Structure formats: C-alpha cells, structure tokens
Amino acid sequence: NGLEPPPPEPEVVEGEEFYEVEMILDSRVRGRWKKLQFLVLWKGYDESHDSWENEENLVGSSDDAIADFYKSHPNAPRKISATIFHSLPWHL
C-alpha cells in the first residue's frame, strides 16, 4: 500500500523522552559560546527528521555513534579544551 510504519515512540526514563540515534551525519561549532553540535539521523525516522543537536544532549547514550562518526571523519569539528583554544594564534 506504500505506507511506511509510524516512527517509534520515544523511550521514557524518569519522565524524560529519549530517542535513539542511528547515526551521526556531521558536526559543527556554532554560536557565541562555540557549542559543538552534531547532525543526527534518528533511528526509525527518515532524513526529514534529521536535526542539529548540542553535544551535551547526546553524550552518554550516543557515545558509540559519535565515535563511529569521528572514525569516518577524523578532521570533522570536535570539542577542544579551553587551554588549547586560548593558545591559538588567531584568538584575541
């Protein structure tokens, strides 16, 4: 009939909804505070639901997906320590 099954329901833990990450597609550093973000492909959802998520929203449950992404994309933006950031020559 051409209809796809509905996306999966989120897992609810202590009243919070959690969705499973299928794959990390990209990374970027954004905003005034230079937050690291990942473009996420959510398990059970099509690409129209892909979203940019702050690193702190993914750490823990998505560690394997993040590690796999960096294995395939070693030069992709990643979090750097404040010590390294402040020692960069372009930083004023």
PDB file of N, CA and C in Angstrom:
ATOM      1  N   ASN A   1       0.805  -1.195   0.000  1.00  0.00           N
ATOM      2  CA  ASN A   1       0.000   0.000   0.000  1.00  0.00           C
ATOM      3  C   ASN A   1       0.851   1.264   0.000  1.00  0.00           C
ATOM      4  N   GLY A   2       2.191   1.131   0.144  1.00  0.00           N
ATOM      5  CA  GLY A   2       3.070   2.276   0.066  1.00  0.00           C
ATOM      6  C   GLY A   2       3.196   3.075   1.348  1.00  0.00           C
ATOM      7  N   LEU A   3       2.447   2.706   2.366  1.00  0.00           N
ATOM      8  CA  LEU A   3       2.534   3.431   3.633  1.00  0.00           C
ATOM      9  C   LEU A   3       3.667   2.872   4.486  1.00  0.00           C
ATOM     10  N   GLU A   4       4.442   3.771   5.049  1.00  0.00           N
ATOM     11  CA  GLU A   4       5.512   3.342   5.937  1.00  0.00           C
ATOM     12  C   GLU A   4       4.973   3.255   7.353  1.00  0.00           C
ATOM     13  N   PRO A   5       5.563   2.372   8.164  1.00  0.00           N
ATOM     14  CA  PRO A   5       5.101   2.308   9.554  1.00  0.00           C
ATOM     15  C   PRO A   5       5.412   3.618  10.273  1.00  0.00           C
ATOM     16  N   PRO A   6       4.651   3.942  11.284  1.00  0.00           N
ATOM     17  CA  PRO A   6       4.911   5.193  12.014  1.00  0.00           C
ATOM     18  C   PRO A   6       6.261   5.125  12.720  1.00  0.00           C
ATOM     19  N   PRO A   7       6.868   6.279  12.968  1.00  0.00           N
ATOM     20  CA  PRO A   7       8.142   6.286  13.702  1.00  0.00           C
ATOM     21  C   PRO A   7       7.960   5.702  15.095  1.00  0.00           C
ATOM     22  N   PRO A   8       9.038   5.188  15.671  1.00  0.00           N
ATOM     23  CA  PRO A   8       8.926   4.593  17.008  1.00  0.00           C
ATOM     24  C   PRO A   8       8.637   5.646  18.078  1.00  0.00           C
ATOM     25  N   GLU A   9       7.980   5.215  19.116  1.00  0.00           N
ATOM     26  CA  GLU A   9       7.727   6.086  20.265  1.00  0.00           C
ATOM     27  C   GLU A   9       9.039   6.282  21.027  1.00  0.00           C
ATOM     28  N   PRO A  10       9.227   7.437  21.665  1.00  0.00           N
ATOM     29  CA  PRO A  10      10.440   7.641  22.450  1.00  0.00           C
ATOM     30  C   PRO A  10      10.447   6.748  23.689  1.00  0.00           C
ATOM     31  N   GLU A  11      11.638   6.464  24.169  1.00  0.00           N
ATOM     32  CA  GLU A  11      11.768   5.774  25.442  1.00  0.00           C
ATOM     33  C   GLU A  11      11.604   6.831  26.529  1.00  0.00           C
ATOM     34  N   VAL A  12      10.845   6.528  27.567  1.00  0.00           N
ATOM     35  CA  VAL A  12      10.630   7.479  28.653  1.00  0.00           C
ATOM     36  C   VAL A  12      11.369   6.981  29.888  1.00  0.00           C
ATOM     37  N   VAL A  13      12.314   7.816  30.364  1.00  0.00           N
ATOM     38  CA  VAL A  13      13.090   7.488  31.554  1.00  0.00           C
ATOM     39  C   VAL A  13      12.944   8.646  32.533  1.00  0.00           C
ATOM     40  N   GLU A  14      12.419   8.336  33.710  1.00  0.00           N
ATOM     41  CA  GLU A  14      12.201   9.344  34.749  1.00  0.00           C
ATOM     42  C   GLU A  14      11.473  10.568  34.202  1.00  0.00           C
ATOM     43  N   GLY A  15      10.468  10.328  33.374  1.00  0.00           N
ATOM     44  CA  GLY A  15       9.629  11.399  32.849  1.00  0.00           C
ATOM     45  C   GLY A  15      10.188  12.132  31.643  1.00  0.00           C
ATOM     46  N   GLU A  16      11.418  11.800  31.206  1.00  0.00           N
ATOM     47  CA  GLU A  16      12.011  12.453  30.034  1.00  0.00           C
ATOM     48  C   GLU A  16      11.980  11.517  28.841  1.00  0.00           C
ATOM     49  N   GLU A  17      11.694  12.101  27.660  1.00  0.00           N
ATOM     50  CA  GLU A  17      11.665  11.318  26.426  1.00  0.00           C
ATOM     51  C   GLU A  17      13.057  11.228  25.820  1.00  0.00           C
ATOM     52  N   PHE A  18      13.415  10.035  25.366  1.00  0.00           N
ATOM     53  CA  PHE A  18      14.693   9.808  24.705  1.00  0.00           C
ATOM     54  C   PHE A  18      14.450   9.098  23.382  1.00  0.00           C
ATOM     55  N   TYR A  19      15.156   9.563  22.345  1.00  0.00           N
ATOM     56  CA  TYR A  19      15.087   8.953  21.028  1.00  0.00           C
ATOM     57  C   TYR A  19      16.436   8.325  20.723  1.00  0.00           C
ATOM     58  N   GLU A  20      16.442   7.230  19.984  1.00  0.00           N
ATOM     59  CA  GLU A  20      17.682   6.526  19.691  1.00  0.00           C
ATOM     60  C   GLU A  20      18.363   7.114  18.457  1.00  0.00           C
ATOM     61  N   VAL A  21      19.658   7.328  18.576  1.00  0.00           N
ATOM     62  CA  VAL A  21      20.468   7.835  17.472  1.00  0.00           C
ATOM     63  C   VAL A  21      20.866   6.662  16.587  1.00  0.00           C
ATOM     64  N   GLU A  22      20.572   6.779  15.295  1.00  0.00           N
ATOM     65  CA  GLU A  22      21.029   5.744  14.365  1.00  0.00           C
ATOM     66  C   GLU A  22      22.445   6.046  13.888  1.00  0.00           C
ATOM     67  N   MET A  23      22.686   7.341  13.568  1.00  0.00           N
ATOM     68  CA  MET A  23      23.982   7.709  13.019  1.00  0.00           C
ATOM     69  C   MET A  23      24.193   9.214  13.166  1.00  0.00           C
ATOM     70  N   ILE A  24      25.452   9.588  13.363  1.00  0.00           N
ATOM     71  CA  ILE A  24      25.836  10.999  13.329  1.00  0.00           C
ATOM     72  C   ILE A  24      26.279  11.283  11.891  1.00  0.00           C
ATOM     73  N   LEU A  25      25.724  12.324  11.284  1.00  0.00           N
ATOM     74  CA  LEU A  25      25.992  12.634   9.882  1.00  0.00           C
ATOM     75  C   LEU A  25      27.026  13.737   9.687  1.00  0.00           C
ATOM     76  N   ASP A  26      27.130  14.659  10.652  1.00  0.00           N
ATOM     77  CA  ASP A  26      28.035  15.794  10.503  1.00  0.00           C
ATOM     78  C   ASP A  26      28.234  16.439  11.869  1.00  0.00           C
ATOM     79  N   SER A  27      29.219  17.337  11.950  1.00  0.00           N
ATOM     80  CA  SER A  27      29.414  18.115  13.173  1.00  0.00           C
ATOM     81  C   SER A  27      29.756  19.541  12.790  1.00  0.00           C
ATOM     82  N   ARG A  28      29.507  20.455  13.729  1.00  0.00           N
ATOM     83  CA  ARG A  28      29.827  21.865  13.517  1.00  0.00           C
ATOM     84  C   ARG A  28      29.961  22.536  14.877  1.00  0.00           C
ATOM     85  N   VAL A  29      30.584  23.700  14.878  1.00  0.00           N
ATOM     86  CA  VAL A  29      30.688  24.519  16.079  1.00  0.00           C
ATOM     87  C   VAL A  29      29.897  25.784  15.783  1.00  0.00           C
ATOM     88  N   ARG A  30      28.944  26.107  16.661  1.00  0.00           N
ATOM     89  CA  ARG A  30      28.024  27.212  16.400  1.00  0.00           C
ATOM     90  C   ARG A  30      27.836  28.115  17.590  1.00  0.00           C
ATOM     91  N   GLY A  31      27.461  29.347  17.290  1.00  0.00           N
ATOM     92  CA  GLY A  31      27.018  30.283  18.299  1.00  0.00           C
ATOM     93  C   GLY A  31      28.131  31.007  19.027  1.00  0.00           C
ATOM     94  N   ARG A  32      27.684  31.947  19.811  1.00  0.00           N
ATOM     95  CA  ARG A  32      28.613  32.789  20.570  1.00  0.00           C
ATOM     96  C   ARG A  32      29.508  31.969  21.488  1.00  0.00           C
ATOM     97  N   TRP A  33      28.967  30.904  22.051  1.00  0.00           N
ATOM     98  CA  TRP A  33      29.708  30.090  23.011  1.00  0.00           C
ATOM     99  C   TRP A  33      30.401  28.922  22.346  1.00  0.00           C
ATOM    100  N   LYS A  34      30.395  28.889  21.001  1.00  0.00           N
ATOM    101  CA  LYS A  34      31.103  27.858  20.228  1.00  0.00           C
ATOM    102  C   LYS A  34      30.727  26.445  20.672  1.00  0.00           C
ATOM    103  N   LYS A  35      29.447  26.204  20.668  1.00  0.00           N
ATOM    104  CA  LYS A  35      28.952  24.885  21.064  1.00  0.00           C
ATOM    105  C   LYS A  35      29.134  23.887  19.932  1.00  0.00           C
ATOM    106  N   LEU A  36      29.595  22.696  20.294  1.00  0.00           N
ATOM    107  CA  LEU A  36      29.722  21.609  19.342  1.00  0.00           C
ATOM    108  C   LEU A  36      28.340  20.995  19.130  1.00  0.00           C
ATOM    109  N   GLN A  37      27.962  20.840  17.859  1.00  0.00           N
ATOM    110  CA  GLN A  37      26.673  20.245  17.517  1.00  0.00           C
ATOM    111  C   GLN A  37      26.888  19.101  16.535  1.00  0.00           C
ATOM    112  N   PHE A  38      25.983  18.135  16.587  1.00  0.00           N
ATOM    113  CA  PHE A  38      26.002  17.004  15.680  1.00  0.00           C
ATOM    114  C   PHE A  38      24.697  16.951  14.891  1.00  0.00           C
ATOM    115  N   LEU A  39      24.807  16.621  13.599  1.00  0.00           N
ATOM    116  CA  LEU A  39      23.618  16.373  12.783  1.00  0.00           C
ATOM    117  C   LEU A  39      23.259  14.908  12.970  1.00  0.00           C
ATOM    118  N   VAL A  40      22.064  14.663  13.502  1.00  0.00           N
ATOM    119  CA  VAL A  40      21.651  13.324  13.920  1.00  0.00           C
ATOM    120  C   VAL A  40      20.600  12.742  12.986  1.00  0.00           C
ATOM    121  N   LEU A  41      20.835  11.484  12.586  1.00  0.00           N
ATOM    122  CA  LEU A  41      19.825  10.663  11.916  1.00  0.00           C
ATOM    123  C   LEU A  41      19.213   9.810  13.016  1.00  0.00           C
ATOM    124  N   TRP A  42      17.934  10.012  13.280  1.00  0.00           N
ATOM    125  CA  TRP A  42      17.251   9.320  14.363  1.00  0.00           C
ATOM    126  C   TRP A  42      16.759   7.963  13.908  1.00  0.00           C
ATOM    127  N   LYS A  43      16.944   6.947  14.728  1.00  0.00           N
ATOM    128  CA  LYS A  43      16.542   5.578  14.391  1.00  0.00           C
ATOM    129  C   LYS A  43      15.027   5.503  14.223  1.00  0.00           C
ATOM    130  N   GLY A  44      14.631   4.964  13.066  1.00  0.00           N
ATOM    131  CA  GLY A  44      13.212   4.802  12.783  1.00  0.00           C
ATOM    132  C   GLY A  44      12.567   5.998  12.100  1.00  0.00           C
ATOM    133  N   TYR A  45      13.354   7.061  11.858  1.00  0.00           N
ATOM    134  CA  TYR A  45      12.849   8.278  11.224  1.00  0.00           C
ATOM    135  C   TYR A  45      13.585   8.515   9.914  1.00  0.00           C
ATOM    136  N   ASP A  46      12.931   9.183   8.967  1.00  0.00           N
ATOM    137  CA  ASP A  46      13.600   9.493   7.700  1.00  0.00           C
ATOM    138  C   ASP A  46      14.400  10.783   7.831  1.00  0.00           C
ATOM    139  N   GLU A  47      15.107  11.135   6.751  1.00  0.00           N
ATOM    140  CA  GLU A  47      16.010  12.293   6.794  1.00  0.00           C
ATOM    141  C   GLU A  47      15.290  13.620   7.026  1.00  0.00           C
ATOM    142  N   SER A  48      13.997  13.676   6.813  1.00  0.00           N
ATOM    143  CA  SER A  48      13.273  14.929   7.082  1.00  0.00           C
ATOM    144  C   SER A  48      13.253  15.261   8.582  1.00  0.00           C
ATOM    145  N   HIS A  49      13.563  14.279   9.421  1.00  0.00           N
ATOM    146  CA  HIS A  49      13.597  14.484  10.873  1.00  0.00           C
ATOM    147  C   HIS A  49      15.016  14.681  11.412  1.00  0.00           C
ATOM    148  N   ASP A  50      16.034  14.643  10.524  1.00  0.00           N
ATOM    149  CA  ASP A  50      17.411  14.885  10.972  1.00  0.00           C
ATOM    150  C   ASP A  50      17.455  16.237  11.665  1.00  0.00           C
ATOM    151  N   SER A  51      18.269  16.344  12.718  1.00  0.00           N
ATOM    152  CA  SER A  51      18.342  17.610  13.438  1.00  0.00           C
ATOM    153  C   SER A  51      19.736  17.828  14.011  1.00  0.00           C
ATOM    154  N   TRP A  52      20.081  19.117  14.144  1.00  0.00           N
ATOM    155  CA  TRP A  52      21.320  19.508  14.802  1.00  0.00           C
ATOM    156  C   TRP A  52      21.074  19.506  16.299  1.00  0.00           C
ATOM    157  N   GLU A  53      21.910  18.786  17.042  1.00  0.00           N
ATOM    158  CA  GLU A  53      21.758  18.673  18.490  1.00  0.00           C
ATOM    159  C   GLU A  53      23.056  19.057  19.180  1.00  0.00           C
ATOM    160  N   ASN A  54      22.951  19.798  20.278  1.00  0.00           N
ATOM    161  CA  ASN A  54      24.128  20.131  21.060  1.00  0.00           C
ATOM    162  C   ASN A  54      24.749  18.868  21.641  1.00  0.00           C
ATOM    163  N   GLU A  55      26.068  18.888  21.716  1.00  0.00           N
ATOM    164  CA  GLU A  55      26.811  17.728  22.214  1.00  0.00           C
ATOM    165  C   GLU A  55      26.290  17.242  23.560  1.00  0.00           C
ATOM    166  N   GLU A  56      26.015  18.166  24.479  1.00  0.00           N
ATOM    167  CA  GLU A  56      25.608  17.751  25.822  1.00  0.00           C
ATOM    168  C   GLU A  56      24.270  17.014  25.831  1.00  0.00           C
ATOM    169  N   ASN A  57      23.472  17.168  24.776  1.00  0.00           N
ATOM    170  CA  ASN A  57      22.204  16.448  24.688  1.00  0.00           C
ATOM    171  C   ASN A  57      22.389  15.007  24.229  1.00  0.00           C
ATOM    172  N   LEU A  58      23.583  14.681  23.732  1.00  0.00           N
ATOM    173  CA  LEU A  58      23.820  13.359  23.160  1.00  0.00           C
ATOM    174  C   LEU A  58      24.811  12.508  23.932  1.00  0.00           C
ATOM    175  N   VAL A  59      25.692  13.128  24.675  1.00  0.00           N
ATOM    176  CA  VAL A  59      26.758  12.393  25.346  1.00  0.00           C
ATOM    177  C   VAL A  59      26.165  11.356  26.284  1.00  0.00           C
ATOM    178  N   GLY A  60      26.753  10.190  26.252  1.00  0.00           N
ATOM    179  CA  GLY A  60      26.296   9.077  27.079  1.00  0.00           C
ATOM    180  C   GLY A  60      25.585   8.055  26.225  1.00  0.00           C
ATOM    181  N   SER A  61      24.361   8.364  25.840  1.00  0.00           N
ATOM    182  CA  SER A  61      23.563   7.413  25.066  1.00  0.00           C
ATOM    183  C   SER A  61      24.045   7.280  23.624  1.00  0.00           C
ATOM    184  N   SER A  62      24.808   8.250  23.141  1.00  0.00           N
ATOM    185  CA  SER A  62      25.214   8.265  21.735  1.00  0.00           C
ATOM    186  C   SER A  62      26.728   8.166  21.546  1.00  0.00           C
ATOM    187  N   ASP A  63      27.445   7.777  22.588  1.00  0.00           N
ATOM    188  CA  ASP A  63      28.903   7.740  22.512  1.00  0.00           C
ATOM    189  C   ASP A  63      29.413   6.881  21.359  1.00  0.00           C
ATOM    190  N   ASP A  64      28.791   5.726  21.129  1.00  0.00           N
ATOM    191  CA  ASP A  64      29.241   4.845  20.044  1.00  0.00           C
ATOM    192  C   ASP A  64      29.030   5.496  18.682  1.00  0.00           C
ATOM    193  N   ALA A  65      27.880   6.148  18.494  1.00  0.00           N
ATOM    194  CA  ALA A  65      27.595   6.804  17.213  1.00  0.00           C
ATOM    195  C   ALA A  65      28.574   7.956  16.977  1.00  0.00           C
ATOM    196  N   ILE A  66      28.920   8.694  18.036  1.00  0.00           N
ATOM    197  CA  ILE A  66      29.878   9.792  17.913  1.00  0.00           C
ATOM    198  C   ILE A  66      31.261   9.247  17.581  1.00  0.00           C
ATOM    199  N   ALA A  67      31.679   8.178  18.254  1.00  0.00           N
ATOM    200  CA  ALA A  67      32.983   7.567  17.976  1.00  0.00           C
ATOM    201  C   ALA A  67      33.048   7.060  16.533  1.00  0.00           C
ATOM    202  N   ASP A  68      31.982   6.427  16.063  1.00  0.00           N
ATOM    203  CA  ASP A  68      31.943   5.937  14.677  1.00  0.00           C
ATOM    204  C   ASP A  68      32.054   7.094  13.692  1.00  0.00           C
ATOM    205  N   PHE A  69      31.379   8.200  13.994  1.00  0.00           N
ATOM    206  CA  PHE A  69      31.439   9.365  13.113  1.00  0.00           C
ATOM    207  C   PHE A  69      32.877   9.867  13.000  1.00  0.00           C
ATOM    208  N   TYR A  70      33.572  10.011  14.124  1.00  0.00           N
ATOM    209  CA  TYR A  70      34.938  10.532  14.091  1.00  0.00           C
ATOM    210  C   TYR A  70      35.926   9.548  13.465  1.00  0.00           C
ATOM    211  N   LYS A  71      35.644   8.250  13.518  1.00  0.00           N
ATOM    212  CA  LYS A  71      36.488   7.279  12.805  1.00  0.00           C
ATOM    213  C   LYS A  71      36.400   7.510  11.305  1.00  0.00           C
ATOM    214  N   SER A  72      35.212   7.802  10.827  1.00  0.00           N
ATOM    215  CA  SER A  72      34.991   8.039   9.393  1.00  0.00           C
ATOM    216  C   SER A  72      35.334   9.461   8.966  1.00  0.00           C
ATOM    217  N   HIS A  73      35.311  10.402   9.909  1.00  0.00           N
ATOM    218  CA  HIS A  73      35.544  11.823   9.618  1.00  0.00           C
ATOM    219  C   HIS A  73      36.523  12.410  10.636  1.00  0.00           C
ATOM    220  N   PRO A  74      37.795  11.991  10.594  1.00  0.00           N
ATOM    221  CA  PRO A  74      38.750  12.411  11.627  1.00  0.00           C
ATOM    222  C   PRO A  74      39.011  13.914  11.675  1.00  0.00           C
ATOM    223  N   ASN A  75      38.764  14.634  10.594  1.00  0.00           N
ATOM    224  CA  ASN A  75      39.008  16.075  10.568  1.00  0.00           C
ATOM    225  C   ASN A  75      37.764  16.911  10.840  1.00  0.00           C
ATOM    226  N   ALA A  76      36.665  16.265  11.179  1.00  0.00           N
ATOM    227  CA  ALA A  76      35.422  16.984  11.461  1.00  0.00           C
ATOM    228  C   ALA A  76      35.574  17.788  12.749  1.00  0.00           C
ATOM    229  N   PRO A  77      34.839  18.904  12.862  1.00  0.00           N
ATOM    230  CA  PRO A  77      34.918  19.704  14.086  1.00  0.00           C
ATOM    231  C   PRO A  77      34.621  18.867  15.324  1.00  0.00           C
ATOM    232  N   ARG A  78      35.396  19.134  16.355  1.00  0.00           N
ATOM    233  CA  ARG A  78      35.203  18.449  17.632  1.00  0.00           C
ATOM    234  C   ARG A  78      35.489  19.420  18.752  1.00  0.00           C
ATOM    235  N   LYS A  79      35.119  19.050  19.928  1.00  0.00           N
ATOM    236  CA  LYS A  79      35.321  19.915  21.086  1.00  0.00           C
ATOM    237  C   LYS A  79      36.817  20.020  21.372  1.00  0.00           C
ATOM    238  N   ILE A  80      37.268  21.238  21.649  1.00  0.00           N
ATOM    239  CA  ILE A  80      38.656  21.421  22.042  1.00  0.00           C
ATOM    240  C   ILE A  80      38.688  22.044  23.435  1.00  0.00           C
ATOM    241  N   SER A  81      39.757  21.770  24.144  1.00  0.00           N
ATOM    242  CA  SER A  81      39.843  22.284  25.514  1.00  0.00           C
ATOM    243  C   SER A  81      40.054  23.791  25.502  1.00  0.00           C
ATOM    244  N   ALA A  82      39.664  24.443  26.571  1.00  0.00           N
ATOM    245  CA  ALA A  82      39.833  25.894  26.694  1.00  0.00           C
ATOM    246  C   ALA A  82      41.306  26.267  26.642  1.00  0.00           C
ATOM    247  N   THR A  83      42.175  25.428  27.182  1.00  0.00           N
ATOM    248  CA  THR A  83      43.614  25.701  27.170  1.00  0.00           C
ATOM    249  C   THR A  83      44.135  25.786  25.745  1.00  0.00           C
ATOM    250  N   ILE A  84      43.755  24.828  24.915  1.00  0.00           N
ATOM    251  CA  ILE A  84      44.186  24.830  23.513  1.00  0.00           C
ATOM    252  C   ILE A  84      43.566  26.012  22.785  1.00  0.00           C
ATOM    253  N   PHE A  85      42.277  26.256  23.018  1.00  0.00           N
ATOM    254  CA  PHE A  85      41.586  27.343  22.341  1.00  0.00           C
ATOM    255  C   PHE A  85      42.276  28.678  22.596  1.00  0.00           C
ATOM    256  N   HIS A  86      42.610  28.945  23.849  1.00  0.00           N
ATOM    257  CA  HIS A  86      43.219  30.230  24.204  1.00  0.00           C
ATOM    258  C   HIS A  86      44.656  30.363  23.712  1.00  0.00           C
ATOM    259  N   SER A  87      45.294  29.247  23.366  1.00  0.00           N
ATOM    260  CA  SER A  87      46.663  29.316  22.870  1.00  0.00           C
ATOM    261  C   SER A  87      46.734  29.455  21.344  1.00  0.00           C
ATOM    262  N   LEU A  88      45.600  29.383  20.672  1.00  0.00           N
ATOM    263  CA  LEU A  88      45.598  29.513  19.214  1.00  0.00           C
ATOM    264  C   LEU A  88      45.979  30.941  18.825  1.00  0.00           C
ATOM    265  N   PRO A  89      46.807  31.099  17.775  1.00  0.00           N
ATOM    266  CA  PRO A  89      47.320  32.424  17.428  1.00  0.00           C
ATOM    267  C   PRO A  89      46.261  33.419  16.971  1.00  0.00           C
ATOM    268  N   TRP A  90      45.147  32.980  16.436  1.00  0.00           N
ATOM    269  CA  TRP A  90      44.115  33.901  15.945  1.00  0.00           C
ATOM    270  C   TRP A  90      43.190  34.377  17.041  1.00  0.00           C
ATOM    271  N   HIS A  91      43.257  33.729  18.204  1.00  0.00           N
ATOM    272  CA  HIS A  91      42.366  34.089  19.310  1.00  0.00           C
ATOM    273  C   HIS A  91      42.797  35.418  19.925  1.00  0.00           C
ATOM    274  N   LEU A  92      41.902  36.370  20.055  1.00  0.00           N
ATOM    275  CA  LEU A  92      42.218  37.687  20.633  1.00  0.00           C
ATOM    276  C   LEU A  92      41.732  37.772  22.060  1.00  0.00           C
TER     277      LEU A  92
END
